[in-house]
Amino acid sequence: DDGQVRELIQATRADVIGPDAWLLHDALVTRFEAENVA
C-alpha cells in the first residue's frame, strides 16, 4: 500500500492463457520480509 516492493517474480517466459491469466515458466519468487529475504 505504501508503494514499496514486497515481492519480485522473475520468469524466463510466460503463456497468456486468458485475459487476466498468465502461466509463468521457470519462475523465481523473491519475498522481501521484515528481517530476511525468502
Full PDB file with SEQRES, HELIX, SHEET, SSBOND, CRYST1, ORIGX, SCALE, CONECT and MASTER records, all heavy atoms in Angstrom:
SEQRES   1 A   38  ASP ASP GLY GLN VAL ARG GLU LEU ILE GLN ALA THR ARG          
SEQRES   2 A   38  ALA ASP VAL ILE GLY PRO ASP ALA TRP LEU LEU HIS ASP          
SEQRES   3 A   38  ALA LEU VAL THR ARG PHE GLU ALA GLU ASN VAL ALA              
SHEET    1 AA1 2 GLU A   7  GLY A  18  0                                        
SHEET    2 AA1 2 ALA A  21  ARG A  31 -1                                        
CRYST1    1.000    1.000    1.000  90.00  90.00  90.00 P 1           1          
ORIGX1      1.000000  0.000000  0.000000        0.00000                         
ORIGX2      0.000000  1.000000  0.000000        0.00000                         
ORIGX3      0.000000  0.000000  1.000000        0.00000                         
SCALE1      1.000000  0.000000  0.000000        0.00000                         
SCALE2      0.000000  1.000000  0.000000        0.00000                         
SCALE3      0.000000  0.000000  1.000000        0.00000                         
ATOM      1  N   ASP A   1       0.817  -1.222   0.000  1.00  0.00           N  
ATOM      2  CA  ASP A   1       0.000   0.000   0.000  1.00  0.00           C  
ATOM      3  C   ASP A   1       0.844   1.262   0.000  1.00  0.00           C  
ATOM      4  O   ASP A   1       0.380   2.331  -0.431  1.00  0.00           O  
ATOM      5  CB  ASP A   1      -0.939   0.004   1.213  1.00  0.00           C  
ATOM      6  CG  ASP A   1      -1.964  -1.124   1.134  1.00  0.00           C  
ATOM      7  OD1 ASP A   1      -2.238  -1.585   0.004  1.00  0.00           O  
ATOM      8  OD2 ASP A   1      -2.473  -1.534   2.197  1.00  0.00           O  
ATOM      9  N   ASP A   2       2.098   1.167   0.481  1.00  0.00           N  
ATOM     10  CA  ASP A   2       2.985   2.330   0.517  1.00  0.00           C  
ATOM     11  C   ASP A   2       3.816   2.461  -0.746  1.00  0.00           C  
ATOM     12  O   ASP A   2       4.675   3.351  -0.846  1.00  0.00           O  
ATOM     13  CB  ASP A   2       3.917   2.240   1.736  1.00  0.00           C  
ATOM     14  CG  ASP A   2       3.137   2.265   3.039  1.00  0.00           C  
ATOM     15  OD1 ASP A   2       2.098   2.968   3.073  1.00  0.00           O  
ATOM     16  OD2 ASP A   2       3.548   1.586   4.000  1.00  0.00           O  
ATOM     17  N   GLY A   3       3.604   1.562  -1.713  1.00  0.00           N  
ATOM     18  CA  GLY A   3       4.365   1.616  -2.951  1.00  0.00           C  
ATOM     19  C   GLY A   3       5.714   0.949  -2.866  1.00  0.00           C  
ATOM     20  O   GLY A   3       6.538   1.075  -3.785  1.00  0.00           O  
ATOM     21  N   GLN A   4       5.974   0.207  -1.781  1.00  0.00           N  
ATOM     22  CA  GLN A   4       7.244  -0.488  -1.625  1.00  0.00           C  
ATOM     23  C   GLN A   4       7.153  -1.900  -2.229  1.00  0.00           C  
ATOM     24  O   GLN A   4       6.102  -2.533  -2.187  1.00  0.00           O  
ATOM     25  CB  GLN A   4       7.616  -0.582  -0.139  1.00  0.00           C  
ATOM     26  CG  GLN A   4       7.733   0.771   0.559  1.00  0.00           C  
ATOM     27  CD  GLN A   4       8.848   1.618  -0.016  1.00  0.00           C  
ATOM     28  OE1 GLN A   4       9.945   1.129  -0.283  1.00  0.00           O  
ATOM     29  NE2 GLN A   4       8.562   2.908  -0.214  1.00  0.00           N  
ATOM     30  N   VAL A   5       8.281  -2.376  -2.746  1.00  0.00           N  
ATOM     31  CA  VAL A   5       8.316  -3.713  -3.337  1.00  0.00           C  
ATOM     32  C   VAL A   5       8.312  -4.750  -2.223  1.00  0.00           C  
ATOM     33  O   VAL A   5       9.198  -4.759  -1.365  1.00  0.00           O  
ATOM     34  CB  VAL A   5       9.565  -3.891  -4.218  1.00  0.00           C  
ATOM     35  CG1 VAL A   5       9.603  -5.316  -4.780  1.00  0.00           C  
ATOM     36  CG2 VAL A   5       9.567  -2.880  -5.356  1.00  0.00           C  
ATOM     37  N   ARG A   6       7.295  -5.615  -2.220  1.00  0.00           N  
ATOM     38  CA  ARG A   6       7.237  -6.691  -1.225  1.00  0.00           C  
ATOM     39  C   ARG A   6       7.510  -8.060  -1.833  1.00  0.00           C  
ATOM     40  O   ARG A   6       7.772  -9.021  -1.108  1.00  0.00           O  
ATOM     41  CB  ARG A   6       5.881  -6.699  -0.534  1.00  0.00           C  
ATOM     42  CG  ARG A   6       4.684  -6.893  -1.447  1.00  0.00           C  
ATOM     43  CD  ARG A   6       3.376  -6.849  -0.656  1.00  0.00           C  
ATOM     44  NE  ARG A   6       2.191  -6.896  -1.493  1.00  0.00           N  
ATOM     45  CZ  ARG A   6       1.638  -8.016  -1.963  1.00  0.00           C  
ATOM     46  NH1 ARG A   6       2.192  -9.176  -1.665  1.00  0.00           N  
ATOM     47  NH2 ARG A   6       0.557  -7.966  -2.710  1.00  0.00           N  
ATOM     48  N   GLU A   7       7.454  -8.142  -3.172  1.00  0.00           N  
ATOM     49  CA  GLU A   7       7.699  -9.435  -3.832  1.00  0.00           C  
ATOM     50  C   GLU A   7       8.169  -9.185  -5.262  1.00  0.00           C  
ATOM     51  O   GLU A   7       7.662  -8.298  -5.949  1.00  0.00           O  
ATOM     52  CB  GLU A   7       6.418 -10.283  -3.834  1.00  0.00           C  
ATOM     53  CG  GLU A   7       6.607 -11.687  -4.401  1.00  0.00           C  
ATOM     54  CD  GLU A   7       5.307 -12.485  -4.354  1.00  0.00           C  
ATOM     55  OE1 GLU A   7       4.456 -12.251  -5.249  1.00  0.00           O  
ATOM     56  OE2 GLU A   7       5.139 -13.301  -3.445  1.00  0.00           O  
ATOM     57  N   LEU A   8       9.150  -9.971  -5.679  1.00  0.00           N  
ATOM     58  CA  LEU A   8       9.658  -9.898  -7.044  1.00  0.00           C  
ATOM     59  C   LEU A   8       9.546 -11.278  -7.671  1.00  0.00           C  
ATOM     60  O   LEU A   8      10.045 -12.262  -7.114  1.00  0.00           O  
ATOM     61  CB  LEU A   8      11.113  -9.420  -7.057  1.00  0.00           C  
ATOM     62  CG  LEU A   8      11.858  -9.551  -8.390  1.00  0.00           C  
ATOM     63  CD1 LEU A   8      11.208  -8.686  -9.465  1.00  0.00           C  
ATOM     64  CD2 LEU A   8      13.340  -9.185  -8.214  1.00  0.00           C  
ATOM     65  N   ILE A   9       8.894 -11.327  -8.834  1.00  0.00           N  
ATOM     66  CA  ILE A   9       8.770 -12.584  -9.584  1.00  0.00           C  
ATOM     67  C   ILE A   9       9.543 -12.423 -10.882  1.00  0.00           C  
ATOM     68  O   ILE A   9       9.266 -11.505 -11.665  1.00  0.00           O  
ATOM     69  CB  ILE A   9       7.294 -12.930  -9.887  1.00  0.00           C  
ATOM     70  CG1 ILE A   9       6.481 -13.001  -8.600  1.00  0.00           C  
ATOM     71  CG2 ILE A   9       7.199 -14.234 -10.655  1.00  0.00           C  
ATOM     72  CD1 ILE A   9       4.993 -13.233  -8.838  1.00  0.00           C  
ATOM     73  N   GLN A  10      10.503 -13.303 -11.092  1.00  0.00           N  
ATOM     74  CA  GLN A  10      11.281 -13.312 -12.332  1.00  0.00           C  
ATOM     75  C   GLN A  10      11.003 -14.622 -13.063  1.00  0.00           C  
ATOM     76  O   GLN A  10      11.039 -15.701 -12.458  1.00  0.00           O  
ATOM     77  CB  GLN A  10      12.776 -13.187 -12.023  1.00  0.00           C  
ATOM     78  CG  GLN A  10      13.145 -11.871 -11.347  1.00  0.00           C  
ATOM     79  CD  GLN A  10      14.562 -11.886 -10.805  1.00  0.00           C  
ATOM     80  OE1 GLN A  10      14.854 -12.595  -9.829  1.00  0.00           O  
ATOM     81  NE2 GLN A  10      15.429 -11.111 -11.426  1.00  0.00           N  
ATOM     82  N   ALA A  11      10.702 -14.521 -14.353  1.00  0.00           N  
ATOM     83  CA  ALA A  11      10.364 -15.705 -15.134  1.00  0.00           C  
ATOM     84  C   ALA A  11      11.032 -15.639 -16.501  1.00  0.00           C  
ATOM     85  O   ALA A  11      11.203 -14.548 -17.067  1.00  0.00           O  
ATOM     86  CB  ALA A  11       8.855 -15.837 -15.298  1.00  0.00           C  
ATOM     87  N   THR A  12      11.401 -16.814 -16.991  1.00  0.00           N  
ATOM     88  CA  THR A  12      12.026 -16.876 -18.313  1.00  0.00           C  
ATOM     89  C   THR A  12      11.045 -16.507 -19.405  1.00  0.00           C  
ATOM     90  O   THR A  12      11.365 -15.759 -20.330  1.00  0.00           O  
ATOM     91  CB  THR A  12      12.584 -18.285 -18.566  1.00  0.00           C  
ATOM     92  OG1 THR A  12      13.485 -18.630 -17.510  1.00  0.00           O  
ATOM     93  CG2 THR A  12      13.309 -18.353 -19.898  1.00  0.00           C  
ATOM     94  N   ARG A  13       9.823 -17.015 -19.296  1.00  0.00           N  
ATOM     95  CA  ARG A  13       8.792 -16.735 -20.297  1.00  0.00           C  
ATOM     96  C   ARG A  13       7.429 -16.974 -19.678  1.00  0.00           C  
ATOM     97  O   ARG A  13       7.325 -17.456 -18.541  1.00  0.00           O  
ATOM     98  CB  ARG A  13       8.973 -17.634 -21.532  1.00  0.00           C  
ATOM     99  CG  ARG A  13       8.782 -19.106 -21.251  1.00  0.00           C  
ATOM    100  CD  ARG A  13       9.061 -19.963 -22.463  1.00  0.00           C  
ATOM    101  NE  ARG A  13       8.715 -21.354 -22.240  1.00  0.00           N  
ATOM    102  CZ  ARG A  13       9.479 -22.247 -21.643  1.00  0.00           C  
ATOM    103  NH1 ARG A  13      10.672 -21.869 -21.197  1.00  0.00           N  
ATOM    104  NH2 ARG A  13       9.082 -23.493 -21.474  1.00  0.00           N  
ATOM    105  N   ALA A  14       6.383 -16.647 -20.435  1.00  0.00           N  
ATOM    106  CA  ALA A  14       5.013 -16.841 -19.948  1.00  0.00           C  
ATOM    107  C   ALA A  14       4.095 -17.122 -21.121  1.00  0.00           C  
ATOM    108  O   ALA A  14       4.325 -16.663 -22.239  1.00  0.00           O  
ATOM    109  CB  ALA A  14       4.529 -15.619 -19.182  1.00  0.00           C  
ATOM    110  N   ASP A  15       3.050 -17.883 -20.852  1.00  0.00           N  
ATOM    111  CA  ASP A  15       1.969 -18.096 -21.813  1.00  0.00           C  
ATOM    112  C   ASP A  15       0.754 -17.330 -21.323  1.00  0.00           C  
ATOM    113  O   ASP A  15       0.329 -17.491 -20.174  1.00  0.00           O  
ATOM    114  CB  ASP A  15       1.631 -19.585 -21.939  1.00  0.00           C  
ATOM    115  CG  ASP A  15       2.743 -20.371 -22.607  1.00  0.00           C  
ATOM    116  OD1 ASP A  15       3.159 -19.970 -23.704  1.00  0.00           O  
ATOM    117  OD2 ASP A  15       3.201 -21.380 -22.025  1.00  0.00           O  
ATOM    118  N   VAL A  16       0.203 -16.472 -22.194  1.00  0.00           N  
ATOM    119  CA  VAL A  16      -1.007 -15.727 -21.853  1.00  0.00           C  
ATOM    120  C   VAL A  16      -2.191 -16.631 -22.175  1.00  0.00           C  
ATOM    121  O   VAL A  16      -2.593 -16.774 -23.327  1.00  0.00           O  
ATOM    122  CB  VAL A  16      -1.094 -14.411 -22.649  1.00  0.00           C  
ATOM    123  CG1 VAL A  16      -2.339 -13.635 -22.262  1.00  0.00           C  
ATOM    124  CG2 VAL A  16       0.156 -13.564 -22.413  1.00  0.00           C  
ATOM    125  N   ILE A  17      -2.726 -17.275 -21.144  1.00  0.00           N  
ATOM    126  CA  ILE A  17      -3.772 -18.279 -21.352  1.00  0.00           C  
ATOM    127  C   ILE A  17      -5.174 -17.720 -21.148  1.00  0.00           C  
ATOM    128  O   ILE A  17      -6.156 -18.448 -21.272  1.00  0.00           O  
ATOM    129  CB  ILE A  17      -3.554 -19.482 -20.407  1.00  0.00           C  
ATOM    130  CG1 ILE A  17      -3.521 -19.039 -18.951  1.00  0.00           C  
ATOM    131  CG2 ILE A  17      -2.257 -20.197 -20.767  1.00  0.00           C  
ATOM    132  CD1 ILE A  17      -3.335 -20.172 -17.965  1.00  0.00           C  
ATOM    133  N   GLY A  18      -5.278 -16.435 -20.842  1.00  0.00           N  
ATOM    134  CA  GLY A  18      -6.587 -15.805 -20.664  1.00  0.00           C  
ATOM    135  C   GLY A  18      -6.418 -14.304 -20.554  1.00  0.00           C  
ATOM    136  O   GLY A  18      -5.287 -13.793 -20.471  1.00  0.00           O  
ATOM    137  N   PRO A  19      -7.522 -13.563 -20.540  1.00  0.00           N  
ATOM    138  CA  PRO A  19      -7.439 -12.099 -20.445  1.00  0.00           C  
ATOM    139  C   PRO A  19      -6.695 -11.617 -19.211  1.00  0.00           C  
ATOM    140  O   PRO A  19      -6.048 -10.580 -19.244  1.00  0.00           O  
ATOM    141  CB  PRO A  19      -8.911 -11.663 -20.414  1.00  0.00           C  
ATOM    142  CG  PRO A  19      -9.669 -12.803 -21.015  1.00  0.00           C  
ATOM    143  CD  PRO A  19      -8.917 -14.040 -20.642  1.00  0.00           C  
ATOM    144  N   ASP A  20      -6.796 -12.368 -18.123  1.00  0.00           N  
ATOM    145  CA  ASP A  20      -6.129 -11.959 -16.887  1.00  0.00           C  
ATOM    146  C   ASP A  20      -5.373 -13.125 -16.249  1.00  0.00           C  
ATOM    147  O   ASP A  20      -5.234 -13.174 -15.024  1.00  0.00           O  
ATOM    148  CB  ASP A  20      -7.147 -11.387 -15.897  1.00  0.00           C  
ATOM    149  CG  ASP A  20      -8.290 -12.362 -15.613  1.00  0.00           C  
ATOM    150  OD1 ASP A  20      -8.310 -13.439 -16.246  1.00  0.00           O  
ATOM    151  OD2 ASP A  20      -9.143 -12.050 -14.762  1.00  0.00           O  
ATOM    152  N   ALA A  21      -4.898 -14.048 -17.069  1.00  0.00           N  
ATOM    153  CA  ALA A  21      -4.200 -15.223 -16.532  1.00  0.00           C  
ATOM    154  C   ALA A  21      -2.949 -15.500 -17.352  1.00  0.00           C  
ATOM    155  O   ALA A  21      -3.017 -15.653 -18.576  1.00  0.00           O  
ATOM    156  CB  ALA A  21      -5.127 -16.444 -16.543  1.00  0.00           C  
ATOM    157  N   TRP A  22      -1.803 -15.532 -16.671  1.00  0.00           N  
ATOM    158  CA  TRP A  22      -0.528 -15.880 -17.288  1.00  0.00           C  
ATOM    159  C   TRP A  22      -0.010 -17.152 -16.613  1.00  0.00           C  
ATOM    160  O   TRP A  22      -0.226 -17.370 -15.421  1.00  0.00           O  
ATOM    161  CB  TRP A  22       0.509 -14.775 -17.091  1.00  0.00           C  
ATOM    162  CG  TRP A  22       0.246 -13.530 -17.892  1.00  0.00           C  
ATOM    163  CD1 TRP A  22      -0.953 -13.078 -18.350  1.00  0.00           C  
ATOM    164  CD2 TRP A  22       1.218 -12.563 -18.287  1.00  0.00           C  
ATOM    165  NE1 TRP A  22      -0.796 -11.894 -19.018  1.00  0.00           N  
ATOM    166  CE2 TRP A  22       0.532 -11.545 -18.994  1.00  0.00           C  
ATOM    167  CE3 TRP A  22       2.595 -12.455 -18.121  1.00  0.00           C  
ATOM    168  CZ2 TRP A  22       1.189 -10.436 -19.529  1.00  0.00           C  
ATOM    169  CZ3 TRP A  22       3.253 -11.348 -18.656  1.00  0.00           C  
ATOM    170  CH2 TRP A  22       2.549 -10.359 -19.353  1.00  0.00           C  
ATOM    171  N   LEU A  23       0.688 -17.970 -17.371  1.00  0.00           N  
ATOM    172  CA  LEU A  23       1.377 -19.136 -16.829  1.00  0.00           C  
ATOM    173  C   LEU A  23       2.869 -18.890 -16.987  1.00  0.00           C  
ATOM    174  O   LEU A  23       3.407 -18.931 -18.092  1.00  0.00           O  
ATOM    175  CB  LEU A  23       0.957 -20.412 -17.560  1.00  0.00           C  
ATOM    176  CG  LEU A  23       1.590 -21.707 -17.026  1.00  0.00           C  
ATOM    177  CD1 LEU A  23       1.157 -21.958 -15.581  1.00  0.00           C  
ATOM    178  CD2 LEU A  23       1.215 -22.899 -17.898  1.00  0.00           C  
ATOM    179  N   LEU A  24       3.522 -18.604 -15.851  1.00  0.00           N  
ATOM    180  CA  LEU A  24       4.950 -18.288 -15.853  1.00  0.00           C  
ATOM    181  C   LEU A  24       5.775 -19.566 -15.853  1.00  0.00           C  
ATOM    182  O   LEU A  24       5.437 -20.538 -15.165  1.00  0.00           O  
ATOM    183  CB  LEU A  24       5.299 -17.436 -14.635  1.00  0.00           C  
ATOM    184  CG  LEU A  24       4.481 -16.153 -14.432  1.00  0.00           C  
ATOM    185  CD1 LEU A  24       4.878 -15.472 -13.126  1.00  0.00           C  
ATOM    186  CD2 LEU A  24       4.656 -15.209 -15.603  1.00  0.00           C  
ATOM    187  N   HIS A  25       6.856 -19.578 -16.616  1.00  0.00           N  
ATOM    188  CA  HIS A  25       7.747 -20.738 -16.691  1.00  0.00           C  
ATOM    189  C   HIS A  25       9.103 -20.381 -16.092  1.00  0.00           C  
ATOM    190  O   HIS A  25       9.622 -19.279 -16.300  1.00  0.00           O  
ATOM    191  CB  HIS A  25       7.932 -21.184 -18.144  1.00  0.00           C  
ATOM    192  CG  HIS A  25       6.667 -21.642 -18.801  1.00  0.00           C  
ATOM    193  ND1 HIS A  25       6.223 -22.949 -18.756  1.00  0.00           N  
ATOM    194  CD2 HIS A  25       5.732 -20.960 -19.511  1.00  0.00           C  
ATOM    195  CE1 HIS A  25       5.084 -23.058 -19.422  1.00  0.00           C  
ATOM    196  NE2 HIS A  25       4.763 -21.868 -19.886  1.00  0.00           N  
ATOM    197  N   ASP A  26       9.680 -21.342 -15.369  1.00  0.00           N  
ATOM    198  CA  ASP A  26      10.983 -21.168 -14.731  1.00  0.00           C  
ATOM    199  C   ASP A  26      10.996 -19.880 -13.910  1.00  0.00           C  
ATOM    200  O   ASP A  26      11.794 -18.971 -14.139  1.00  0.00           O  
ATOM    201  CB  ASP A  26      12.083 -21.150 -15.799  1.00  0.00           C  
ATOM    202  CG  ASP A  26      13.478 -21.224 -15.182  1.00  0.00           C  
ATOM    203  OD1 ASP A  26      13.592 -21.659 -14.016  1.00  0.00           O  
ATOM    204  OD2 ASP A  26      14.447 -20.823 -15.861  1.00  0.00           O  
ATOM    205  N   ALA A  27      10.094 -19.823 -12.929  1.00  0.00           N  
ATOM    206  CA  ALA A  27       9.885 -18.600 -12.156  1.00  0.00           C  
ATOM    207  C   ALA A  27      10.654 -18.633 -10.834  1.00  0.00           C  
ATOM    208  O   ALA A  27      10.714 -19.666 -10.157  1.00  0.00           O  
ATOM    209  CB  ALA A  27       8.402 -18.408 -11.867  1.00  0.00           C  
ATOM    210  N   LEU A  28      11.245 -17.522 -10.485  1.00  0.00           N  
ATOM    211  CA  LEU A  28      11.918 -17.327  -9.196  1.00  0.00           C  
ATOM    212  C   LEU A  28      11.167 -16.245  -8.435  1.00  0.00           C  
ATOM    213  O   LEU A  28      11.062 -15.109  -8.893  1.00  0.00           O  
ATOM    214  CB  LEU A  28      13.378 -16.915  -9.400  1.00  0.00           C  
ATOM    215  CG  LEU A  28      14.160 -16.573  -8.119  1.00  0.00           C  
ATOM    216  CD1 LEU A  28      14.288 -17.804  -7.219  1.00  0.00           C  
ATOM    217  CD2 LEU A  28      15.535 -16.004  -8.458  1.00  0.00           C  
ATOM    218  N   VAL A  29      10.631 -16.608  -7.247  1.00  0.00           N  
ATOM    219  CA  VAL A  29       9.848 -15.682  -6.439  1.00  0.00           C  
ATOM    220  C   VAL A  29      10.690 -15.256  -5.234  1.00  0.00           C  
ATOM    221  O   VAL A  29      11.129 -16.099  -4.452  1.00  0.00           O  
ATOM    222  CB  VAL A  29       8.526 -16.330  -5.955  1.00  0.00           C  
ATOM    223  CG1 VAL A  29       7.740 -15.347  -5.107  1.00  0.00           C  
ATOM    224  CG2 VAL A  29       7.707 -16.792  -7.149  1.00  0.00           C  
ATOM    225  N   THR A  30      10.904 -13.959  -5.133  1.00  0.00           N  
ATOM    226  CA  THR A  30      11.687 -13.403  -4.022  1.00  0.00           C  
ATOM    227  C   THR A  30      10.765 -12.538  -3.169  1.00  0.00           C  
ATOM    228  O   THR A  30      10.189 -11.568  -3.674  1.00  0.00           O  
ATOM    229  CB  THR A  30      12.861 -12.556  -4.546  1.00  0.00           C  
ATOM    230  OG1 THR A  30      13.678 -13.345  -5.417  1.00  0.00           O  
ATOM    231  CG2 THR A  30      13.698 -12.034  -3.395  1.00  0.00           C  
ATOM    232  N   ARG A  31      10.640 -12.903  -1.883  1.00  0.00           N  
ATOM    233  CA  ARG A  31       9.781 -12.144  -0.966  1.00  0.00           C  
ATOM    234  C   ARG A  31      10.649 -11.360   0.004  1.00  0.00           C  
ATOM    235  O   ARG A  31      11.558 -11.918   0.640  1.00  0.00           O  
ATOM    236  CB  ARG A  31       8.855 -13.087  -0.191  1.00  0.00           C  
ATOM    237  CG  ARG A  31       7.811 -13.777  -1.074  1.00  0.00           C  
ATOM    238  CD  ARG A  31       6.874 -14.641  -0.236  1.00  0.00           C  
ATOM    239  NE  ARG A  31       5.833 -15.264  -1.064  1.00  0.00           N  
ATOM    240  CZ  ARG A  31       5.988 -16.414  -1.700  1.00  0.00           C  
ATOM    241  NH1 ARG A  31       7.133 -17.087  -1.584  1.00  0.00           N  
ATOM    242  NH2 ARG A  31       5.001 -16.897  -2.440  1.00  0.00           N  
ATOM    243  N   PHE A  32      10.359 -10.079   0.104  1.00  0.00           N  
ATOM    244  CA  PHE A  32      11.113  -9.204   0.984  1.00  0.00           C  
ATOM    245  C   PHE A  32      10.329  -9.052   2.286  1.00  0.00           C  
ATOM    246  O   PHE A  32       9.313  -8.356   2.341  1.00  0.00           O  
ATOM    247  CB  PHE A  32      11.333  -7.837   0.318  1.00  0.00           C  
ATOM    248  CG  PHE A  32      12.070  -7.926  -0.988  1.00  0.00           C  
ATOM    249  CD1 PHE A  32      11.373  -7.966  -2.192  1.00  0.00           C  
ATOM    250  CD2 PHE A  32      13.451  -7.991  -1.012  1.00  0.00           C  
ATOM    251  CE1 PHE A  32      12.045  -8.043  -3.397  1.00  0.00           C  
ATOM    252  CE2 PHE A  32      14.140  -8.083  -2.217  1.00  0.00           C  
ATOM    253  CZ  PHE A  32      13.441  -8.117  -3.417  1.00  0.00           C  
ATOM    254  N   GLU A  33      10.819  -9.728   3.311  1.00  0.00           N  
ATOM    255  CA  GLU A  33      10.154  -9.691   4.612  1.00  0.00           C  
ATOM    256  C   GLU A  33      10.869  -8.724   5.537  1.00  0.00           C  
ATOM    257  O   GLU A  33      11.876  -8.115   5.170  1.00  0.00           O  
ATOM    258  CB  GLU A  33      10.090 -11.109   5.193  1.00  0.00           C  
ATOM    259  CG  GLU A  33       9.325 -12.074   4.277  1.00  0.00           C  
ATOM    260  CD  GLU A  33       9.360 -13.509   4.789  1.00  0.00           C  
ATOM    261  OE1 GLU A  33      10.079 -13.756   5.770  1.00  0.00           O  
ATOM    262  OE2 GLU A  33       8.677 -14.360   4.185  1.00  0.00           O  
ATOM    263  N   ALA A  34      10.378  -8.612   6.741  1.00  0.00           N  
ATOM    264  CA  ALA A  34      10.911  -7.598   7.660  1.00  0.00           C  
ATOM    265  C   ALA A  34      12.394  -7.812   7.962  1.00  0.00           C  
ATOM    266  O   ALA A  34      13.177  -6.857   7.975  1.00  0.00           O  
ATOM    267  CB  ALA A  34      10.099  -7.607   8.954  1.00  0.00           C  
ATOM    268  N   GLU A  35      12.793  -9.067   8.175  1.00  0.00           N  
ATOM    269  CA  GLU A  35      14.173  -9.310   8.608  1.00  0.00           C  
ATOM    270  C   GLU A  35      14.978 -10.144   7.633  1.00  0.00           C  
ATOM    271  O   GLU A  35      16.191 -10.258   7.771  1.00  0.00           O  
ATOM    272  CB  GLU A  35      14.159 -10.019   9.975  1.00  0.00           C  
ATOM    273  CG  GLU A  35      13.514  -9.182  11.075  1.00  0.00           C  
ATOM    274  CD  GLU A  35      13.509  -9.905  12.406  1.00  0.00           C  
ATOM    275  OE1 GLU A  35      13.928 -11.090  12.413  1.00  0.00           O  
ATOM    276  OE2 GLU A  35      13.092  -9.312  13.416  1.00  0.00           O  
ATOM    277  N   ASN A  36      14.353 -10.753   6.668  1.00  0.00           N  
ATOM    278  CA  ASN A  36      15.115 -11.589   5.737  1.00  0.00           C  
ATOM    279  C   ASN A  36      14.450 -11.588   4.360  1.00  0.00           C  
ATOM    280  O   ASN A  36      13.393 -11.001   4.154  1.00  0.00           O  
ATOM    281  CB  ASN A  36      15.251 -13.014   6.282  1.00  0.00           C  
ATOM    282  CG  ASN A  36      13.889 -13.671   6.445  1.00  0.00           C  
ATOM    283  OD1 ASN A  36      12.855 -13.008   6.390  1.00  0.00           O  
ATOM    284  ND2 ASN A  36      13.888 -14.981   6.630  1.00  0.00           N  
ATOM    285  N   VAL A  37      15.093 -12.282   3.444  1.00  0.00           N  
ATOM    286  CA  VAL A  37      14.615 -12.426   2.063  1.00  0.00           C  
ATOM    287  C   VAL A  37      14.430 -13.903   1.783  1.00  0.00           C  
ATOM    288  O   VAL A  37      15.360 -14.704   1.992  1.00  0.00           O  
ATOM    289  CB  VAL A  37      15.603 -11.808   1.056  1.00  0.00           C  
ATOM    290  CG1 VAL A  37      15.125 -12.049  -0.371  1.00  0.00           C  
ATOM    291  CG2 VAL A  37      15.775 -10.319   1.309  1.00  0.00           C  
ATOM    292  N   ALA A  38      13.229 -14.291   1.340  1.00  0.00           N  
ATOM    293  CA  ALA A  38      12.937 -15.698   1.046  1.00  0.00           C  
ATOM    294  C   ALA A  38      12.763 -15.881  -0.453  1.00  0.00           C  
ATOM    295  O   ALA A  38      12.128 -15.052  -1.124  1.00  0.00           O  
ATOM    296  CB  ALA A  38      11.659 -16.118   1.774  1.00  0.00           C  
TER     297      ALA A  38                                                      
MASTER        0    0    0    0    2    0    0    6  296    1    0    3          
END                                                                             
